């Protein structure tokens, strides 16, 4: 009887385990299906965005052809539109902002992780993260009412609203974000790596330049490209401070425009079909530029991995 009861108990146990495994398989199936659905939904939304922009901007591409990309004239009166000015303004301000912000962000991160006393490092890091969360319109208002008048009075320019000041405002915007992420990257370097570098007689500069930064170089490339992407797509802060002139800028101290600022300024006032199509086409161009930046980042990371 005891043996029979044990056999029944073992059979029941096997049955319960089989049911549990079946339930786990269903859970796993549902989990994978949910993940696949999320990825598919994201790709479908992205494809829908690109298709919508392409359809909406097609009248402009059809009317102007390649002249849309190489002509700087933007004239709603004559219904002729060229995107060269906003494209150049977007690229110049974005890359200048990255040029200004990158060394400062790296310096802030290195100071907080390598030299700053521990009792001060955390409060300063929190302050940097808070700066990263400030809305862009606040930076734009500060640039318009504080930085631009100071720049006009002490450096030059009629109003201080130009390509250079817009680049500085963008640099101030992306600086805390990049510094915060750089700090987290440097903190992820194992203590043994730092100790080995100093144990071999490295100076602080050599340890950072030859050991710490190369250790997290893949993350550094990602942060740089994300910062550039944010600078390229910024709208309100640039709109306040760049001067909003559609032609090609003749110098860094001349007024200009970006793709985002042009769309923000004119979309609500666009009444003609060709005007609206040209603005939508500008949106597609901005999407392509941002996608190209991310693609370059992927290529750099893939080369680094090899």
Protein backbone atom coordinates (compact mmCIF):
# COMPACT_ATOMS: atom_id res chain seq x y z
CA UNK A 1 0.00 0.00 0.00
CA UNK A 2 2.81 2.36 0.91
CA UNK A 3 4.58 1.63 -2.34
CA UNK A 4 1.40 2.25 -4.31
CA UNK A 5 0.82 5.53 -2.50
CA UNK A 6 4.38 6.61 -3.24
CA UNK A 7 3.90 5.79 -6.92
CA UNK A 8 0.67 7.79 -7.03
CA UNK A 9 2.38 10.69 -5.26
CA UNK A 10 5.31 10.59 -7.74
CA UNK A 11 2.90 10.47 -10.67
CA UNK A 12 0.99 13.45 -9.30
CA UNK A 13 4.24 15.32 -8.80
CA UNK A 14 5.27 14.63 -12.39
CA UNK A 15 1.86 15.78 -13.59
CA UNK A 16 2.13 19.02 -11.58
CA UNK A 17 5.61 19.65 -12.98
CA UNK A 18 4.37 19.05 -16.51
CA UNK A 19 1.52 21.50 -15.95
CA UNK A 20 3.98 24.04 -14.51
CA UNK A 21 6.29 23.61 -17.49
CA UNK A 22 3.32 24.03 -19.83
CA UNK A 23 2.30 27.20 -17.97
CA UNK A 24 5.86 28.48 -18.21
CA UNK A 25 5.88 27.76 -21.90
CA UNK A 26 2.71 29.79 -22.34
CA UNK A 27 4.18 32.60 -20.25
CA UNK A 28 7.32 32.50 -22.36
CA UNK A 29 5.25 32.50 -25.54
CA UNK A 30 3.20 35.47 -24.38
CA UNK A 31 6.34 37.32 -23.31
CA UNK A 32 8.02 36.78 -26.66
CA UNK A 33 4.86 37.73 -28.53
CA UNK A 34 4.59 40.95 -26.50
CA UNK A 35 8.22 41.84 -27.21
CA UNK A 36 7.79 41.08 -30.91
CA UNK A 37 4.62 43.16 -31.01
CA UNK A 38 6.36 46.11 -29.36
CA UNK A 39 9.27 45.97 -31.81
CA UNK A 40 6.90 45.61 -34.77
CA UNK A 41 4.77 48.51 -33.56
CA UNK A 42 7.84 50.72 -33.26
CA UNK A 43 9.05 49.86 -36.75
CA UNK A 44 5.56 50.34 -38.16
CA UNK A 45 5.30 53.77 -36.51
CA UNK A 46 8.71 54.73 -37.88
CA UNK A 47 7.79 53.55 -41.38
CA UNK A 48 4.48 55.38 -41.17
CA UNK A 49 6.27 58.58 -40.15
CA UNK A 50 8.69 58.37 -43.06
CA UNK A 51 5.91 57.57 -45.55
CA UNK A 52 3.75 60.42 -44.25
CA UNK A 53 6.60 62.92 -44.53
CA UNK A 54 7.49 61.67 -48.00
CA UNK A 55 3.89 61.95 -49.23
CA UNK A 56 3.39 65.35 -47.62
CA UNK A 57 6.65 66.73 -49.00
CA UNK A 58 6.32 65.22 -52.47
CA UNK A 59 4.74 68.35 -54.06
CA UNK A 60 7.82 70.35 -53.03
CA UNK A 61 10.24 67.70 -54.31
CA UNK A 62 8.27 67.47 -57.55
CA UNK A 63 8.13 71.23 -58.07
CA UNK A 64 11.75 72.09 -57.26
CA UNK A 65 13.69 68.84 -57.66
CA UNK A 66 17.31 69.05 -56.53
CA UNK A 67 17.04 72.84 -56.41
CA UNK A 68 15.17 72.39 -53.15
CA UNK A 69 18.39 71.20 -51.50
CA UNK A 70 20.89 73.59 -53.09
CA UNK A 71 18.92 76.86 -53.26
CA UNK A 72 18.84 79.27 -50.33
CA UNK A 73 15.88 81.36 -51.50
CA UNK A 74 12.77 80.98 -49.34
CA UNK A 75 10.02 83.28 -50.55
CA UNK A 76 6.36 82.62 -49.72
CA UNK A 77 5.34 85.57 -51.92
CA UNK A 78 6.67 84.01 -55.11
CA UNK A 79 5.98 80.51 -53.80
CA UNK A 80 9.59 79.43 -54.25
CA UNK A 81 11.35 77.50 -51.51
CA UNK A 82 14.90 76.27 -51.06
CA UNK A 83 16.19 74.39 -48.04
CA UNK A 84 19.92 75.11 -48.33
CA UNK A 85 19.87 77.86 -45.68
CA UNK A 86 18.11 75.87 -42.94
CA UNK A 87 20.16 72.76 -43.74
CA UNK A 88 23.47 74.62 -43.43
CA UNK A 89 22.28 76.37 -40.28
CA UNK A 90 21.27 73.06 -38.71
CA UNK A 91 24.60 71.41 -39.44
CA UNK A 92 26.73 74.39 -38.40
CA UNK A 93 24.96 75.04 -35.11
CA UNK A 94 24.85 71.34 -34.23
CA UNK A 95 28.52 70.67 -34.85
CA UNK A 96 29.64 73.92 -33.24
CA UNK A 97 27.58 73.11 -30.15
CA UNK A 98 29.19 69.68 -29.97
CA UNK A 99 32.64 71.25 -30.43
CA UNK A 100 32.01 73.61 -27.51
CA UNK A 101 30.28 71.13 -25.21
CA UNK A 102 32.35 67.96 -25.63
CA UNK A 103 35.62 69.02 -23.92
CA UNK A 104 33.73 70.76 -21.11
CA UNK A 105 31.45 67.77 -20.52
CA UNK A 106 34.44 65.45 -20.49
CA UNK A 107 36.26 67.74 -18.06
CA UNK A 108 33.30 67.91 -15.69
CA UNK A 109 32.94 64.12 -15.70
CA UNK A 110 36.66 63.55 -15.12
CA UNK A 111 36.70 66.05 -12.26
CA UNK A 112 33.70 64.48 -10.54
CA UNK A 113 35.06 60.93 -10.82
CA UNK A 114 38.79 61.45 -10.34
CA UNK A 115 39.55 64.63 -8.41
CA UNK A 116 36.47 65.98 -6.62
CA UNK A 117 36.19 65.13 -2.88
CA UNK A 118 33.52 62.53 -2.28
CA UNK A 119 31.46 64.79 -0.03
CA UNK A 120 31.14 67.29 -2.89
CA UNK A 121 30.97 64.96 -5.87
CA UNK A 122 27.42 63.75 -5.27
CA UNK A 123 25.82 67.21 -4.74
CA UNK A 124 27.58 68.56 -7.82
CA UNK A 125 26.48 65.52 -9.84
CA UNK A 126 22.87 66.09 -8.75
CA UNK A 127 23.13 69.73 -9.79
CA UNK A 128 24.45 68.70 -13.21
CA UNK A 129 21.57 66.26 -13.66
CA UNK A 130 19.08 68.98 -12.69
CA UNK A 131 20.57 71.27 -15.33
CA UNK A 132 20.08 68.50 -17.87
CA UNK A 133 16.36 68.46 -17.05
CA UNK A 134 15.70 72.18 -17.59
CA UNK A 135 13.27 72.73 -20.50
CA UNK A 136 14.88 74.05 -23.65
CA UNK A 137 12.59 77.08 -23.80
CA UNK A 138 14.15 78.33 -20.56
CA UNK A 139 17.59 78.23 -22.17
CA UNK A 140 16.14 80.06 -25.16
CA UNK A 141 14.68 82.83 -23.00
CA UNK A 142 17.96 83.18 -21.12
CA UNK A 143 19.79 83.41 -24.42
CA UNK A 144 17.37 86.01 -25.80
CA UNK A 145 17.17 88.31 -22.78
CA UNK A 146 20.59 87.83 -21.16
CA UNK A 147 23.24 86.30 -23.40
CA UNK A 148 22.31 87.94 -26.73
CA UNK A 149 22.30 91.53 -25.33
CA UNK A 150 25.60 90.88 -23.55
CA UNK A 151 27.09 89.44 -26.72
CA UNK A 152 25.90 92.41 -28.81
CA UNK A 153 27.33 94.90 -26.31
CA UNK A 154 30.72 93.27 -25.74
CA UNK A 155 31.47 91.25 -28.87
CA UNK A 156 29.47 92.63 -31.76
CA UNK A 157 26.35 92.26 -33.81
CA UNK A 158 23.21 94.33 -34.04
CA UNK A 159 21.11 92.23 -31.68
CA UNK A 160 23.34 89.33 -30.67
CA UNK A 161 21.00 86.88 -32.40
CA UNK A 162 23.18 84.88 -34.78
CA UNK A 163 24.63 81.47 -35.61
CA UNK A 164 27.36 81.70 -32.98
CA UNK A 165 25.12 82.60 -30.05
CA UNK A 166 22.65 79.89 -31.06
CA UNK A 167 25.51 77.38 -31.05
CA UNK A 168 26.57 78.53 -27.57
CA UNK A 169 23.03 78.11 -26.26
CA UNK A 170 22.86 74.63 -27.76
CA UNK A 171 26.21 73.80 -26.17
CA UNK A 172 24.92 74.94 -22.77
CA UNK A 173 21.86 72.74 -23.28
CA UNK A 174 23.66 69.52 -24.17
CA UNK A 175 26.60 70.06 -21.80
CA UNK A 176 24.95 68.83 -18.56
CA UNK A 177 23.35 65.85 -20.31
CA UNK A 178 26.64 64.73 -21.79
CA UNK A 179 28.53 65.38 -18.55
CA UNK A 180 26.06 63.30 -16.52
CA UNK A 181 26.29 60.33 -18.89
CA UNK A 182 30.08 60.59 -19.14
CA UNK A 183 30.25 60.50 -15.34
CA UNK A 184 28.22 57.30 -15.22
CA UNK A 185 30.48 55.77 -17.87
CA UNK A 186 33.64 56.62 -15.96
CA UNK A 187 32.16 55.29 -12.73
CA UNK A 188 31.57 51.96 -14.49
CA UNK A 189 35.33 51.46 -14.96
CA UNK A 190 36.49 48.88 -12.37
CA UNK A 191 38.70 50.19 -9.58
CA UNK A 192 41.31 47.57 -10.48
CA UNK A 193 41.79 49.20 -13.89
CA UNK A 194 42.47 52.59 -12.32
CA UNK A 195 44.80 51.08 -9.73
CA UNK A 196 46.73 49.19 -12.42
CA UNK A 197 47.20 52.39 -14.42
CA UNK A 198 48.53 54.33 -11.45
CA UNK A 199 50.56 51.34 -10.32
CA UNK A 200 52.42 51.43 -13.62
CA UNK A 201 53.39 55.03 -12.98
CA UNK A 202 50.76 56.78 -15.07
CA UNK A 203 49.91 60.38 -14.36
CA UNK A 204 46.28 61.39 -13.91
CA UNK A 205 46.11 62.60 -17.50
CA UNK A 206 47.67 59.41 -18.84
CA UNK A 207 45.33 57.25 -16.79
CA UNK A 208 42.28 59.08 -18.09
CA UNK A 209 43.42 59.42 -21.72
CA UNK A 210 45.01 55.99 -22.19
CA UNK A 211 43.07 53.74 -19.84
CA UNK A 212 39.72 55.08 -18.61
CA UNK A 213 38.41 56.70 -21.79
CA UNK A 214 39.53 53.80 -24.07
CA UNK A 215 37.87 51.37 -21.63
CA UNK A 216 34.46 53.01 -22.25
CA UNK A 217 35.07 54.33 -25.77
CA UNK A 218 31.99 52.63 -27.20
CA UNK A 219 29.82 54.44 -24.69
CA UNK A 220 31.65 57.70 -25.37
CA UNK A 221 30.84 57.48 -29.08
CA UNK A 222 27.19 56.85 -28.24
CA UNK A 223 27.01 59.86 -25.91
CA UNK A 224 28.64 62.13 -28.48
CA UNK A 225 26.19 61.11 -31.17
CA UNK A 226 23.19 61.45 -28.89
CA UNK A 227 24.33 64.93 -27.90
CA UNK A 228 24.75 65.86 -31.55
CA UNK A 229 21.33 64.45 -32.36
CA UNK A 230 19.72 66.57 -29.67
CA UNK A 231 21.52 69.67 -30.90
CA UNK A 232 20.43 69.06 -34.49
CA UNK A 233 16.78 68.66 -33.56
CA UNK A 234 16.41 71.46 -31.00
CA UNK A 235 13.60 73.89 -31.81
CA UNK A 236 12.52 76.61 -29.39
CA UNK A 237 15.88 77.60 -27.91
CA UNK A 238 17.34 78.04 -31.40
CA UNK A 239 14.26 79.85 -32.69
CA UNK A 240 14.66 82.52 -30.02
CA UNK A 241 18.31 83.25 -30.63
CA UNK A 242 19.41 82.43 -34.21
CA UNK A 243 17.87 85.44 -36.00
CA UNK A 244 15.60 83.42 -38.33
CA UNK A 245 17.04 84.55 -41.68
CA UNK A 246 16.46 82.02 -44.43
CA UNK A 247 19.49 82.79 -46.59
CA UNK A 248 22.88 81.17 -46.32
CA UNK A 249 24.80 82.67 -43.40
CA UNK A 250 27.87 84.59 -44.54
CA UNK A 251 29.61 84.35 -41.15
CA UNK A 252 29.14 82.86 -37.70
CA UNK A 253 28.00 86.28 -36.48
CA UNK A 254 25.26 86.56 -39.07
CA UNK A 255 21.62 85.61 -38.63
CA UNK A 256 20.51 82.24 -39.89
CA UNK A 257 17.93 79.52 -39.41
CA UNK A 258 17.67 75.81 -38.81
CA UNK A 259 15.23 73.25 -40.11
CA UNK A 260 13.45 73.03 -36.77
CA UNK A 261 13.24 76.81 -36.30
CA UNK A 262 11.89 77.29 -39.83
CA UNK A 263 9.15 74.73 -39.28
CA UNK A 264 8.26 76.22 -35.89
CA UNK A 265 8.09 79.76 -37.27
CA UNK A 266 6.07 79.12 -40.41
CA UNK A 267 3.96 76.00 -40.09
CA UNK A 268 0.97 77.76 -38.52
CA UNK A 269 1.14 80.50 -41.17
CA UNK A 270 1.54 78.22 -44.19
CA UNK A 271 -1.63 78.49 -46.24
CA UNK A 272 -0.51 77.42 -49.71
CA UNK A 273 -0.09 73.78 -50.64
CA UNK A 274 3.48 74.26 -51.83
CA UNK A 275 4.46 76.17 -48.67
CA UNK A 276 3.09 73.43 -46.43
CA UNK A 277 4.71 70.72 -48.56
CA UNK A 278 8.07 72.49 -48.35
CA UNK A 279 7.89 72.57 -44.56
CA UNK A 280 6.99 68.88 -44.44
CA UNK A 281 9.87 68.18 -46.81
CA UNK A 282 12.17 70.01 -44.38
CA UNK A 283 10.94 67.65 -41.67
CA UNK A 284 11.90 64.68 -43.83
CA UNK A 285 15.35 66.19 -44.43
CA UNK A 286 15.86 66.63 -40.69
CA UNK A 287 14.83 63.02 -40.14
CA UNK A 288 17.35 61.86 -42.74
CA UNK A 289 20.13 63.96 -41.18
CA UNK A 290 19.43 62.57 -37.72
CA UNK A 291 19.23 59.04 -39.07
CA UNK A 292 22.56 59.56 -40.85
CA UNK A 293 24.17 60.69 -37.59
CA UNK A 294 22.95 57.57 -35.82
CA UNK A 295 24.10 55.41 -38.74
CA UNK A 296 27.59 56.91 -38.51
CA UNK A 297 27.59 56.12 -34.79
CA UNK A 298 26.68 52.52 -35.53
CA UNK A 299 29.48 52.25 -38.10
CA UNK A 300 32.00 53.67 -35.65
CA UNK A 301 30.87 51.29 -32.92
CA UNK A 302 30.99 48.32 -35.29
CA UNK A 303 34.51 49.23 -36.37
CA UNK A 304 35.57 49.59 -32.75
CA UNK A 305 34.11 46.17 -31.95
CA UNK A 306 36.10 44.53 -34.75
